[in-house]
Protein backbone atom coordinates (compact mmCIF):
# COMPACT_ATOMS: atom_id res chain seq x y z
CA UNK A 1 51.55 -24.00 -4.43
CA UNK A 2 53.92 -21.24 -5.63
CA UNK A 3 52.07 -21.13 -8.95
CA UNK A 4 48.75 -20.67 -7.12
CA UNK A 5 50.17 -17.86 -4.97
CA UNK A 6 51.63 -16.10 -8.00
CA UNK A 7 48.38 -16.30 -9.95
CA UNK A 8 46.44 -14.98 -6.94
CA UNK A 9 48.80 -12.01 -6.77
CA UNK A 10 48.27 -11.28 -10.47
CA UNK A 11 44.50 -11.23 -9.92
CA UNK A 12 44.56 -9.23 -6.69
CA UNK A 13 47.05 -6.54 -7.78
CA UNK A 14 44.88 -4.86 -10.46
CA UNK A 15 41.93 -4.80 -8.06
CA UNK A 16 44.05 -3.11 -5.39
CA UNK A 17 45.30 -0.54 -7.90
CA UNK A 18 41.72 0.26 -8.89
CA UNK A 19 40.80 0.90 -5.26
CA UNK A 20 43.83 3.15 -4.78
CA UNK A 21 43.05 5.05 -7.97
CA UNK A 22 39.53 5.75 -6.76
CA UNK A 23 40.75 7.29 -3.52
CA UNK A 24 41.02 4.13 -1.44
CA UNK A 25 37.29 3.65 -0.82
CA UNK A 26 34.62 2.16 -3.11
CA UNK A 27 31.69 4.45 -3.89
CA UNK A 28 28.87 3.97 -1.42
CA UNK A 29 25.49 3.04 -2.84
CA UNK A 30 22.62 5.39 -2.02
CA UNK A 31 20.06 4.15 0.53
CA UNK A 32 17.40 1.94 -1.00
CA UNK A 33 13.98 3.59 -0.90
CA UNK A 34 11.89 0.48 -0.18
CA UNK A 35 14.31 -1.03 2.36
CA UNK A 36 15.86 1.97 4.10
CA UNK A 37 13.78 5.11 3.54
CA UNK A 38 10.18 3.96 3.38
CA UNK A 39 10.32 2.09 6.74
CA UNK A 40 11.40 5.36 8.41
CA UNK A 41 8.57 7.32 6.82
CA UNK A 42 6.05 4.59 7.59
CA UNK A 43 7.04 4.44 11.26
CA UNK A 44 7.39 8.17 11.89
CA UNK A 45 5.21 9.95 9.31
CA UNK A 46 2.48 7.59 8.05
CA UNK A 47 -0.01 8.37 10.88
CA UNK A 48 -0.38 11.91 9.46
CA UNK A 49 0.89 11.59 5.88
CA UNK A 50 0.21 8.04 4.72
CA UNK A 51 -2.13 6.37 2.28
CA UNK A 52 -5.10 6.64 4.65
CA UNK A 53 -4.58 10.04 6.29
CA UNK A 54 -3.02 12.98 4.41
CA UNK A 55 -2.91 16.10 6.54
CA UNK A 56 -2.42 19.23 4.40
CA UNK A 57 -2.92 16.95 1.40
CA UNK A 58 0.57 15.46 1.79
CA UNK A 59 1.16 11.76 1.13
CA UNK A 60 4.64 10.36 1.92
CA UNK A 61 3.93 6.78 0.88
CA UNK A 62 5.55 7.09 -2.57
CA UNK A 63 8.21 9.14 -4.33
CA UNK A 64 5.66 10.48 -6.83
CA UNK A 65 3.39 11.67 -4.02
CA UNK A 66 6.30 13.40 -2.23
CA UNK A 67 7.28 15.29 -5.38
CA UNK A 68 3.66 16.27 -5.96
CA UNK A 69 3.41 17.50 -2.38
CA UNK A 70 0.39 18.96 -0.65
CA UNK A 71 -1.15 22.33 0.08
CA UNK A 72 2.29 23.77 0.96
CA UNK A 73 4.00 22.60 -2.22
CA UNK A 74 6.39 19.80 -3.06
CA UNK A 75 8.02 17.94 -0.17
CA UNK A 76 10.90 16.55 -2.21
CA UNK A 77 13.51 18.07 -4.51
CA UNK A 78 15.76 15.22 -5.71
CA UNK A 79 19.44 16.01 -5.27
CA UNK A 80 18.77 18.90 -2.87
CA UNK A 81 18.04 17.79 0.71
CA UNK A 82 18.27 21.35 2.06
CA UNK A 83 15.56 22.40 -0.41
CA UNK A 84 13.32 19.45 0.47
CA UNK A 85 10.82 20.07 3.30
CA UNK A 86 10.72 16.30 3.77
CA UNK A 87 14.26 16.58 5.18
CA UNK A 88 14.39 20.13 6.54
CA UNK A 89 11.22 19.81 8.64
CA UNK A 90 12.55 16.59 10.16
CA UNK A 91 16.04 18.03 10.68
CA UNK A 92 14.81 21.13 12.53
CA UNK A 93 12.65 18.84 14.73
CA UNK A 94 9.37 20.53 13.75
CA UNK A 95 8.14 17.27 12.24
CA UNK A 96 6.83 14.81 13.09
CA UNK A 97 4.82 16.40 15.91
CA UNK A 98 5.12 14.98 19.38
CA UNK A 99 8.12 13.66 21.29
CA UNK A 100 9.13 10.92 18.81
CA UNK A 101 11.46 12.42 16.20
CA UNK A 102 13.76 10.96 13.57
CA UNK A 103 17.04 9.72 15.02
CA UNK A 104 20.40 11.01 13.83
CA UNK A 105 20.93 7.84 11.80
CA UNK A 106 17.48 8.15 10.21
CA UNK A 107 18.14 11.78 9.27
CA UNK A 108 21.46 10.81 7.71
CA UNK A 109 19.74 8.08 5.69
CA UNK A 110 17.05 10.48 4.50
CA UNK A 111 19.59 13.15 3.56
CA UNK A 112 21.82 10.69 1.70
CA UNK A 113 18.86 9.34 -0.25
CA UNK A 114 17.68 12.79 -1.34
CA UNK A 115 21.24 13.92 -2.13
CA UNK A 116 21.63 10.89 -4.41
CA UNK A 117 18.63 12.03 -6.44
CA UNK A 118 15.90 10.24 -4.46
CA UNK A 119 16.23 7.05 -6.51
CA UNK A 120 13.48 4.45 -6.44
CA UNK A 121 11.11 2.40 -8.52
CA UNK A 122 7.86 3.83 -9.91
CA UNK A 123 4.97 3.71 -7.45
CA UNK A 124 3.36 0.59 -8.94
CA UNK A 125 6.63 -1.33 -8.94
CA UNK A 126 7.63 -0.04 -5.51
CA UNK A 127 4.32 -1.14 -4.03
CA UNK A 128 5.06 -4.72 -5.05
CA UNK A 129 8.52 -4.52 -3.46
CA UNK A 130 7.29 -3.19 -0.11
CA UNK A 131 7.18 -5.89 2.53
CA UNK A 132 3.89 -6.24 4.38
CA UNK A 133 5.68 -5.49 7.66
CA UNK A 134 6.19 -1.88 6.51
CA UNK A 135 2.51 -1.29 5.84
CA UNK A 136 0.53 0.52 8.56
CA UNK A 137 -1.82 -1.87 10.39
CA UNK A 138 -5.44 -2.01 9.31
CA UNK A 139 -8.48 -3.30 11.17
CA UNK A 140 -10.75 -5.21 8.79
CA UNK A 141 -14.34 -5.95 9.72
CA UNK A 142 -14.90 -9.31 11.39
CA UNK A 143 -16.46 -11.71 8.85
CA UNK A 144 -19.87 -13.26 9.39
CA UNK A 145 -19.83 -17.05 9.85
CA UNK A 146 -22.42 -19.80 10.18
CA UNK A 147 -20.91 -21.86 13.01
CA UNK A 148 -20.86 -19.04 15.53
CA UNK A 149 -20.54 -21.53 18.39
CA UNK A 150 -16.96 -22.23 17.28
CA UNK A 151 -15.82 -18.59 17.49
CA UNK A 152 -14.20 -17.57 20.77
CA UNK A 153 -12.18 -14.59 19.53
CA UNK A 154 -11.94 -12.45 16.34
CA UNK A 155 -9.11 -14.57 14.91
CA UNK A 156 -11.37 -17.63 15.04
CA UNK A 157 -13.90 -15.78 12.88
CA UNK A 158 -11.35 -15.12 10.13
CA UNK A 159 -10.10 -18.71 10.19
CA UNK A 160 -13.62 -20.13 10.17
CA UNK A 161 -14.71 -17.86 7.31
CA UNK A 162 -11.96 -19.32 5.09
CA UNK A 163 -12.84 -22.84 6.19
CA UNK A 164 -16.52 -22.37 5.40
CA UNK A 165 -15.65 -20.87 2.02
CA UNK A 166 -13.82 -24.10 1.18
CA UNK A 167 -16.53 -26.32 2.62
CA UNK A 168 -14.46 -27.44 5.62
CA UNK A 169 -16.39 -28.11 8.82
CA UNK A 170 -14.84 -26.79 12.05
CA UNK A 171 -13.37 -29.46 14.34
CA UNK A 172 -15.00 -30.39 17.60
CA UNK A 173 -13.68 -28.88 20.80
CA UNK A 174 -10.88 -31.01 22.21
CA UNK A 175 -11.17 -32.44 25.71
CA UNK A 176 -9.08 -30.90 28.48
CA UNK A 177 -6.46 -33.64 28.53
CA UNK A 178 -5.89 -33.27 24.77
CA UNK A 179 -5.60 -29.50 25.14
CA UNK A 180 -3.04 -29.93 27.90
CA UNK A 181 -0.96 -32.34 25.84
CA UNK A 182 -1.04 -30.14 22.75
CA UNK A 183 -0.08 -27.05 24.71
CA UNK A 184 2.83 -28.56 26.62
CA UNK A 185 4.24 -30.22 23.49
CA UNK A 186 3.93 -27.02 21.45
CA UNK A 187 5.49 -24.71 24.04
CA UNK A 188 8.06 -26.90 25.79
CA UNK A 189 8.45 -29.93 23.53
CA UNK A 190 7.65 -32.16 26.50
CA UNK A 191 4.50 -34.14 27.37
CA UNK A 192 2.62 -33.22 30.56
CA UNK A 193 3.59 -35.09 33.69
CA UNK A 194 0.96 -37.11 35.60
CA UNK A 195 0.94 -34.42 38.27
CA UNK A 196 0.35 -31.68 35.67
CA UNK A 197 -2.51 -33.69 34.22
CA UNK A 198 -4.13 -34.17 37.62
CA UNK A 199 -3.72 -30.51 38.57
CA UNK A 200 -5.14 -29.17 35.30
CA UNK A 201 -8.12 -31.54 35.26
CA UNK A 202 -8.94 -30.51 38.83
CA UNK A 203 -8.72 -26.77 38.06
CA UNK A 204 -12.30 -25.59 37.45
CA UNK A 205 -11.55 -21.87 37.28
CA UNK A 206 -12.79 -20.12 34.09
CA UNK A 207 -9.26 -18.99 33.24
CA UNK A 208 -7.55 -22.32 33.95
CA UNK A 209 -6.30 -22.60 30.37
CA UNK A 210 -4.90 -19.06 30.36
CA UNK A 211 -3.14 -19.74 33.67
CA UNK A 212 -1.60 -22.87 32.18
CA UNK A 213 -0.34 -20.91 29.17
CA UNK A 214 1.28 -18.30 31.44
CA UNK A 215 2.90 -21.04 33.52
CA UNK A 216 4.39 -22.79 30.49
CA UNK A 217 5.65 -19.53 28.99
CA UNK A 218 7.53 -18.77 32.21
CA UNK A 219 9.43 -22.07 32.20
CA UNK A 220 13.03 -22.37 31.00
CA UNK A 221 12.00 -25.29 28.79
CA UNK A 222 9.96 -22.88 26.68
CA UNK A 223 13.02 -20.69 26.07
CA UNK A 224 15.20 -23.70 25.30
CA UNK A 225 12.76 -25.14 22.78
CA UNK A 226 11.98 -21.99 20.85
CA UNK A 227 15.43 -20.39 21.06
CA UNK A 228 16.81 -23.50 19.39
CA UNK A 229 14.08 -23.38 16.75
CA UNK A 230 14.80 -19.78 15.75
CA UNK A 231 18.56 -20.26 15.91
CA UNK A 232 18.15 -23.15 13.47
CA UNK A 233 16.17 -20.84 11.19
CA UNK A 234 18.86 -18.14 11.46
CA UNK A 235 21.58 -20.60 10.54
């Protein structure tokens, strides 16, 4: 035990001396463009200066595009945040327009990234690293399908289009009792009670299914089932 403690001290002491020699704090890494900077620009600036819309010819979706700039010149000078309109226009609250501005933390992230030299991967490589959640939403055209009787909402059309492309026939509409059982098991993890079955089968209103969904979502059993599921995922 004493030998283990002594050897641990020998290993830890040089590391501690290195920290003290460097001023007591390890050097902070600059903010990552794809993970820290781009999400800010996508949320606050993309509606006017993204891949689809570029007011004044300015695109803020990539480092190369920022350095190229628009009709008013370059938006980014690496290493010089106070000479970069990307930062100064956000810091003086003139951009983005409207009431939603960059927060203090977002401004600090943007400034630190520019001050560090605006590091980041080339546009082609960065595009592959960008998570789909940071991309602005797009509205694709609803696909044309053969079995139109099966489509009840736009999502059905996209699902059915893929099924038809693979030669898969759409399933028949389930009976009401099957729908009830599927829904209660999915949302609460419990089968429907005899009373719930009777009540749902007797409900002839056009929105009976939607009412059932709302009822199940308001139950504590729904929270218990899905909170446990996502906590298991988090663990």
